[in-house]
Amino acid sequence: MQSLVILGIVGFLAQLINSGLGMGYGVTSTTFLLLIGTSPALASATVNLSQVGSQFVSGFAHWRFGNVDWKVAPRIAVPGAIGAFVGALLLSRLSTEAAGPLMSTILLGLGVYLLLRFTVRGMPRGALGKPLRAGFLTPLGLVAGFMNSTGGGGWGPVGTTALLASGRLEPRRVIGSISVAEFAVVVAGSAGFALGLGLGGINFHWVLVMLLGGVLAAPAAAWLARAVPPRMLGALVGGLIILTNTRVLVDSAVLPVGPAGAYAVYGAVVLAWITAVGVSWRAHRLDREAERASEPEPAAR
């Protein structure tokens, strides 16, 4: 019972992070599942299945609010689904000894990306521009979908960021289109895991409580976006993911540093994490001051 409550909280927090950053559900929840000893393939399968319901609701909401570019969503969803299916089959066929370090390495890379992305540059911004071509969307979908299955997350960090960086789509349409496409990605990834692992090893109680936690987080997401600066949230989450997966790599001897070296590595990670959060907070305050300075003064009566 205690583990189910914890998993429900994980689903809740992961959805809050995802709502605050437009990414992070898979990376956060998969990292926790690995931490409690779940095999990499089952961790990713559990996360994919728990997202099927939430992504359907999310995609439907974005469609109703007019946030979806239907020239983009299906063109990135199809290759994304293919990449997710192939990635799920690959991860299902790897031994736990090989898959664990692989997934932790991918998650570590995504954590470093989140930490640097939101510490150095803050929230990504896009702008209207030229139409996005299949030569850009197809490989992007394949890579992001593959990463989403093999790394337990990656569709948002890879897909959302690339579309925003292209400067050719409004931010709200980027997030809406990626959310709609992600439904196809998690369904395909779940199908790949079902084919590769079967359904017998998946704990559906875990899936349901994580899904419930994500649904309950939806009303609180708006509060989070206002109360916690996204720039700081990105740095906090990125540092946590880096520290957790560094420990996995040290314990599995992928990083052969020895006991003394391990404490030195952990200390360096924590110091960098604290520094990044401080830099993010300072940058957030400077951004707010700049916004206030640019606001027109109220006209004198």
Protein backbone atom coordinates (compact mmCIF):
# COMPACT_ATOMS: atom_id res chain seq x y z
CA MET A 1 0.00 0.00 0.00
CA GLN A 2 2.82 2.38 0.90
CA SER A 3 4.52 1.84 -2.47
CA LEU A 4 1.25 2.59 -4.31
CA VAL A 5 0.86 5.87 -2.42
CA ILE A 6 4.45 6.81 -3.27
CA LEU A 7 3.88 5.98 -6.95
CA GLY A 8 0.72 8.08 -6.95
CA ILE A 9 2.74 10.99 -5.57
CA VAL A 10 5.40 10.39 -8.24
CA GLY A 11 2.74 10.54 -10.97
CA PHE A 12 1.36 13.72 -9.41
CA LEU A 13 4.75 15.44 -9.21
CA ALA A 14 5.82 14.27 -12.66
CA GLN A 15 2.67 15.75 -14.18
CA LEU A 16 3.25 19.03 -12.32
CA ILE A 17 6.78 19.18 -13.72
CA ASN A 18 5.53 18.31 -17.19
CA SER A 19 2.92 21.08 -17.00
CA GLY A 20 5.45 23.61 -15.77
CA LEU A 21 8.10 22.84 -18.40
CA GLY A 22 6.23 21.21 -21.27
CA MET A 23 8.46 18.16 -20.69
CA GLY A 24 9.75 15.92 -17.94
CA TYR A 25 7.02 13.38 -17.07
CA GLY A 26 8.80 10.36 -18.49
CA VAL A 27 12.29 11.35 -17.36
CA THR A 28 11.17 12.05 -13.79
CA SER A 29 8.93 9.01 -13.26
CA THR A 30 11.32 6.58 -14.97
CA THR A 31 14.21 7.78 -12.82
CA PHE A 32 12.17 7.03 -9.69
CA LEU A 33 11.10 3.59 -10.91
CA LEU A 34 14.73 2.70 -11.60
CA LEU A 35 15.67 3.97 -8.15
CA ILE A 36 13.27 1.52 -6.42
CA GLY A 37 14.71 -1.40 -8.40
CA THR A 38 12.34 -1.74 -11.37
CA SER A 39 13.97 -3.19 -14.48
CA PRO A 40 14.58 -0.62 -17.25
CA ALA A 41 12.15 -2.23 -19.71
CA LEU A 42 9.35 -2.54 -17.13
CA ALA A 43 9.97 1.02 -15.92
CA SER A 44 9.60 2.43 -19.42
CA ALA A 45 6.59 0.19 -20.14
CA THR A 46 4.87 1.36 -16.94
CA VAL A 47 5.50 5.01 -17.77
CA ASN A 48 4.23 4.58 -21.35
CA LEU A 49 1.04 2.87 -20.21
CA SER A 50 0.37 5.46 -17.48
CA GLN A 51 0.67 8.20 -20.11
CA VAL A 52 -1.83 6.72 -22.56
CA GLY A 53 -4.84 8.06 -20.66
CA SER A 54 -3.30 11.36 -19.61
CA GLN A 55 -2.01 12.11 -23.12
CA PHE A 56 -5.44 11.43 -24.62
CA VAL A 57 -7.00 13.93 -22.23
CA SER A 58 -4.16 16.42 -22.79
CA GLY A 59 -4.36 16.14 -26.57
CA PHE A 60 -8.13 16.52 -26.53
CA ALA A 61 -7.87 19.65 -24.36
CA HIS A 62 -5.25 21.20 -26.65
CA TRP A 63 -7.47 20.46 -29.66
CA ARG A 64 -10.47 22.12 -28.00
CA PHE A 65 -8.40 25.22 -27.21
CA GLY A 66 -7.11 25.46 -30.78
CA ASN A 67 -3.48 24.77 -29.85
CA VAL A 68 -2.85 22.07 -32.45
CA ASP A 69 -1.28 22.62 -35.89
CA TRP A 70 -2.73 19.73 -37.89
CA LYS A 71 -0.11 20.21 -40.59
CA VAL A 72 2.56 19.31 -38.03
CA ALA A 73 1.00 16.89 -35.51
CA PRO A 74 0.34 13.88 -37.81
CA ARG A 75 3.62 14.36 -39.69
CA ILE A 76 5.64 14.07 -36.50
CA ALA A 77 3.33 11.52 -34.81
CA VAL A 78 3.78 8.79 -37.44
CA PRO A 79 7.62 8.67 -37.37
CA GLY A 80 7.47 9.22 -33.60
CA ALA A 81 5.28 6.13 -33.20
CA ILE A 82 7.63 4.09 -35.40
CA GLY A 83 10.66 5.21 -33.38
CA ALA A 84 8.87 4.45 -30.09
CA PHE A 85 7.84 0.97 -31.24
CA VAL A 86 11.36 0.08 -32.41
CA GLY A 87 12.91 1.52 -29.22
CA ALA A 88 10.52 -0.51 -27.05
CA LEU A 89 11.39 -3.74 -28.88
CA LEU A 90 15.10 -3.01 -28.54
CA LEU A 91 14.92 -2.30 -24.83
CA SER A 92 12.77 -5.39 -24.25
CA ARG A 93 15.46 -7.60 -25.77
CA LEU A 94 18.39 -6.18 -23.80
CA SER A 95 19.48 -7.85 -20.59
CA THR A 96 18.91 -5.91 -17.37
CA GLU A 97 22.69 -5.63 -16.93
CA ALA A 98 23.01 -3.93 -20.33
CA ALA A 99 19.73 -1.98 -20.29
CA GLY A 100 20.20 -0.40 -16.85
CA PRO A 101 23.40 1.52 -17.64
CA LEU A 102 22.04 2.40 -21.12
CA MET A 103 18.85 3.94 -19.76
CA SER A 104 20.66 5.72 -16.93
CA THR A 105 23.14 7.17 -19.43
CA ILE A 106 20.28 8.50 -21.58
CA LEU A 107 18.49 9.87 -18.51
CA LEU A 108 21.73 11.45 -17.29
CA GLY A 109 22.12 13.17 -20.66
CA LEU A 110 18.53 14.44 -20.53
CA GLY A 111 19.11 15.66 -16.98
CA VAL A 112 22.22 17.58 -18.06
CA TYR A 113 20.21 19.02 -20.92
CA LEU A 114 17.41 20.19 -18.61
CA LEU A 115 19.87 21.69 -16.12
CA LEU A 116 21.82 23.62 -18.76
CA ARG A 117 18.81 24.52 -20.89
CA PHE A 118 16.87 26.21 -18.11
CA THR A 119 19.89 27.57 -16.21
CA VAL A 120 21.67 29.18 -19.15
CA ARG A 121 18.84 30.07 -21.52
CA GLY A 122 15.65 29.95 -19.50
CA MET A 123 12.31 29.10 -21.07
CA PRO A 124 12.54 28.45 -24.82
CA ARG A 125 10.60 30.80 -27.05
CA GLY A 126 9.46 30.39 -30.60
CA ALA A 127 8.11 32.65 -33.33
CA LEU A 128 5.99 32.35 -36.43
CA GLY A 129 7.86 31.52 -39.60
CA LYS A 130 8.01 29.26 -42.62
CA PRO A 131 6.21 25.89 -42.81
CA LEU A 132 7.99 22.91 -41.29
CA ARG A 133 9.10 20.36 -43.86
CA ALA A 134 8.96 16.56 -43.72
CA GLY A 135 12.75 16.46 -44.01
CA PHE A 136 12.87 18.06 -40.55
CA LEU A 137 9.82 16.48 -38.88
CA THR A 138 10.43 12.86 -39.92
CA PRO A 139 13.92 12.38 -38.42
CA LEU A 140 12.93 14.48 -35.41
CA GLY A 141 9.94 12.21 -34.73
CA LEU A 142 12.00 9.05 -35.19
CA VAL A 143 14.73 10.18 -32.77
CA ALA A 144 12.35 11.62 -30.17
CA GLY A 145 10.09 8.54 -30.25
CA PHE A 146 13.06 6.17 -29.99
CA MET A 147 14.46 8.15 -27.04
CA ASN A 148 11.06 8.14 -25.36
CA SER A 149 11.02 4.33 -25.22
CA THR A 150 14.69 3.53 -24.62
CA GLY A 151 15.21 6.33 -22.11
CA GLY A 152 11.81 6.25 -20.44
CA GLY A 153 11.33 9.83 -21.57
CA GLY A 154 12.58 12.20 -24.23
CA TRP A 155 9.66 13.07 -26.47
CA GLY A 156 9.22 16.46 -24.80
CA PRO A 157 12.90 17.39 -24.28
CA VAL A 158 13.78 16.45 -27.86
CA GLY A 159 10.59 17.25 -29.79
CA THR A 160 9.33 20.37 -28.00
CA THR A 161 12.75 22.00 -27.89
CA ALA A 162 13.52 21.31 -31.56
CA LEU A 163 10.19 22.74 -32.72
CA LEU A 164 10.57 25.82 -30.53
CA ALA A 165 14.15 26.31 -31.70
CA SER A 166 13.02 26.16 -35.33
CA GLY A 167 11.18 29.44 -34.78
CA ARG A 168 8.41 28.40 -37.18
CA LEU A 169 5.53 27.71 -34.80
CA GLU A 170 3.87 29.54 -31.93
CA PRO A 171 4.84 28.10 -28.54
CA ARG A 172 1.25 27.13 -27.71
CA ARG A 173 0.94 25.28 -31.03
CA VAL A 174 4.27 23.56 -30.43
CA ILE A 175 3.10 22.21 -27.07
CA GLY A 176 -0.36 21.33 -28.40
CA SER A 177 0.98 19.54 -31.49
CA ILE A 178 3.61 17.64 -29.48
CA SER A 179 0.96 16.62 -26.91
CA VAL A 180 -1.40 15.27 -29.57
CA ALA A 181 1.42 13.41 -31.31
CA GLU A 182 2.64 11.97 -28.00
CA PHE A 183 -0.57 9.98 -27.65
CA ALA A 184 0.42 7.98 -30.76
CA VAL A 185 3.98 7.68 -29.42
CA VAL A 186 3.00 6.21 -26.03
CA VAL A 187 0.45 3.87 -27.62
CA ALA A 188 3.08 2.57 -30.07
CA GLY A 189 5.67 2.30 -27.30
CA SER A 190 3.20 0.38 -25.11
CA ALA A 191 2.45 -1.97 -28.03
CA GLY A 192 6.18 -2.56 -28.52
CA PHE A 193 6.66 -3.39 -24.84
CA ALA A 194 3.59 -5.67 -24.87
CA LEU A 195 5.05 -7.55 -27.84
CA GLY A 196 8.57 -7.66 -26.40
CA LEU A 197 7.76 -8.31 -22.73
CA GLY A 198 4.20 -9.54 -22.69
CA LEU A 199 1.71 -8.00 -20.26
CA GLY A 200 2.30 -10.46 -17.43
CA GLY A 201 5.25 -8.62 -15.92
CA ILE A 202 3.59 -5.20 -15.85
CA ASN A 203 2.09 -4.10 -12.54
CA PHE A 204 -1.19 -2.48 -13.57
CA HIS A 205 -1.78 -1.20 -10.05
CA TRP A 206 1.34 0.93 -10.53
CA VAL A 207 0.05 2.12 -13.89
CA LEU A 208 -3.34 3.09 -12.47
CA VAL A 209 -2.05 4.98 -9.42
CA MET A 210 0.47 6.92 -11.53
CA LEU A 211 -2.30 7.76 -13.99
CA LEU A 212 -4.56 8.86 -11.13
CA GLY A 213 -1.77 11.01 -9.68
CA GLY A 214 -1.29 12.68 -13.06
CA VAL A 215 -5.01 13.40 -13.41
CA LEU A 216 -5.21 14.89 -9.93
CA ALA A 217 -2.21 17.11 -10.70
CA ALA A 218 -3.99 18.89 -13.55
CA PRO A 219 -5.79 21.52 -11.39
CA ALA A 220 -2.59 22.25 -9.43
CA ALA A 221 -0.51 22.69 -12.58
CA ALA A 222 -1.75 26.24 -13.13
CA TRP A 223 -0.75 27.16 -9.57
CA LEU A 224 2.69 25.62 -10.05
CA ALA A 225 3.29 27.60 -13.23
CA ARG A 226 2.67 30.81 -11.25
CA ALA A 227 4.25 29.88 -7.91
CA VAL A 228 7.50 28.24 -9.09
CA PRO A 229 9.48 29.96 -11.86
CA PRO A 230 9.84 27.47 -14.76
CA ARG A 231 13.50 28.41 -15.03
CA MET A 232 14.14 27.27 -11.45
CA LEU A 233 11.93 24.20 -11.83
CA GLY A 234 14.01 23.07 -14.82
CA ALA A 235 17.24 23.44 -12.84
CA LEU A 236 15.82 21.64 -9.79
CA VAL A 237 14.51 18.70 -11.80
CA GLY A 238 17.61 18.47 -13.99
CA GLY A 239 19.91 18.32 -10.97
CA LEU A 240 17.82 15.65 -9.26
CA ILE A 241 17.87 13.47 -12.39
CA ILE A 242 21.64 13.90 -12.79
CA LEU A 243 22.36 12.98 -9.16
CA THR A 244 20.07 9.94 -9.18
CA ASN A 245 21.38 8.47 -12.43
CA THR A 246 25.01 9.25 -11.56
CA ARG A 247 24.52 7.05 -8.52
CA VAL A 248 23.11 4.25 -10.72
CA LEU A 249 26.14 4.44 -13.04
CA VAL A 250 28.56 4.46 -10.11
CA ASP A 251 26.84 1.48 -8.46
CA SER A 252 26.88 -0.48 -11.73
CA ALA A 253 30.63 0.26 -12.15
CA VAL A 254 30.06 2.06 -15.45
CA LEU A 255 31.85 4.92 -13.68
CA PRO A 256 34.69 3.00 -11.94
CA VAL A 257 35.62 5.66 -9.39
CA GLY A 258 35.76 3.62 -6.17
CA PRO A 259 34.11 4.56 -2.82
CA ALA A 260 36.17 7.71 -2.23
CA GLY A 261 35.82 8.84 -5.82
CA ALA A 262 32.06 8.25 -5.67
CA TYR A 263 31.67 10.75 -2.81
CA ALA A 264 33.78 13.24 -4.73
CA VAL A 265 31.55 12.81 -7.81
CA TYR A 266 28.36 13.19 -5.75
CA GLY A 267 29.77 16.29 -4.06
CA ALA A 268 30.65 17.85 -7.42
CA VAL A 269 27.17 17.12 -8.77
CA VAL A 270 25.47 18.62 -5.70
CA LEU A 271 27.69 21.72 -5.85
CA ALA A 272 26.92 22.21 -9.55
CA TRP A 273 23.22 21.66 -8.81
CA ILE A 274 23.11 24.28 -6.05
CA THR A 275 25.03 26.73 -8.26
CA ALA A 276 22.63 26.16 -11.16
CA VAL A 277 19.56 26.76 -9.00
CA GLY A 278 21.12 29.97 -7.65
CA VAL A 279 21.96 31.18 -11.15
CA SER A 280 18.44 30.33 -12.32
CA TRP A 281 16.88 32.25 -9.43
CA ARG A 282 19.05 35.30 -10.11
CA ALA A 283 18.30 35.17 -13.85
CA HIS A 284 14.57 34.87 -13.08
CA ARG A 285 14.69 37.98 -10.90
CA LEU A 286 16.57 39.92 -13.58
CA ASP A 287 14.02 38.84 -16.19
CA ARG A 288 11.17 40.01 -13.95
CA GLU A 289 12.86 43.36 -13.34
CA ALA A 290 13.37 43.80 -17.09
CA GLU A 291 9.70 43.01 -17.72
CA ARG A 292 8.58 45.56 -15.14
CA ALA A 293 10.90 48.18 -16.61
CA SER A 294 9.46 47.63 -20.09
CA GLU A 295 5.86 48.02 -18.93
CA PRO A 296 4.33 51.43 -19.78
CA GLU A 297 3.73 53.64 -16.78
CA PRO A 298 0.06 54.38 -15.99
CA ALA A 299 -1.11 57.69 -17.40
CA ALA A 300 -1.32 60.52 -14.86
CA ARG A 301 -4.81 61.81 -14.13
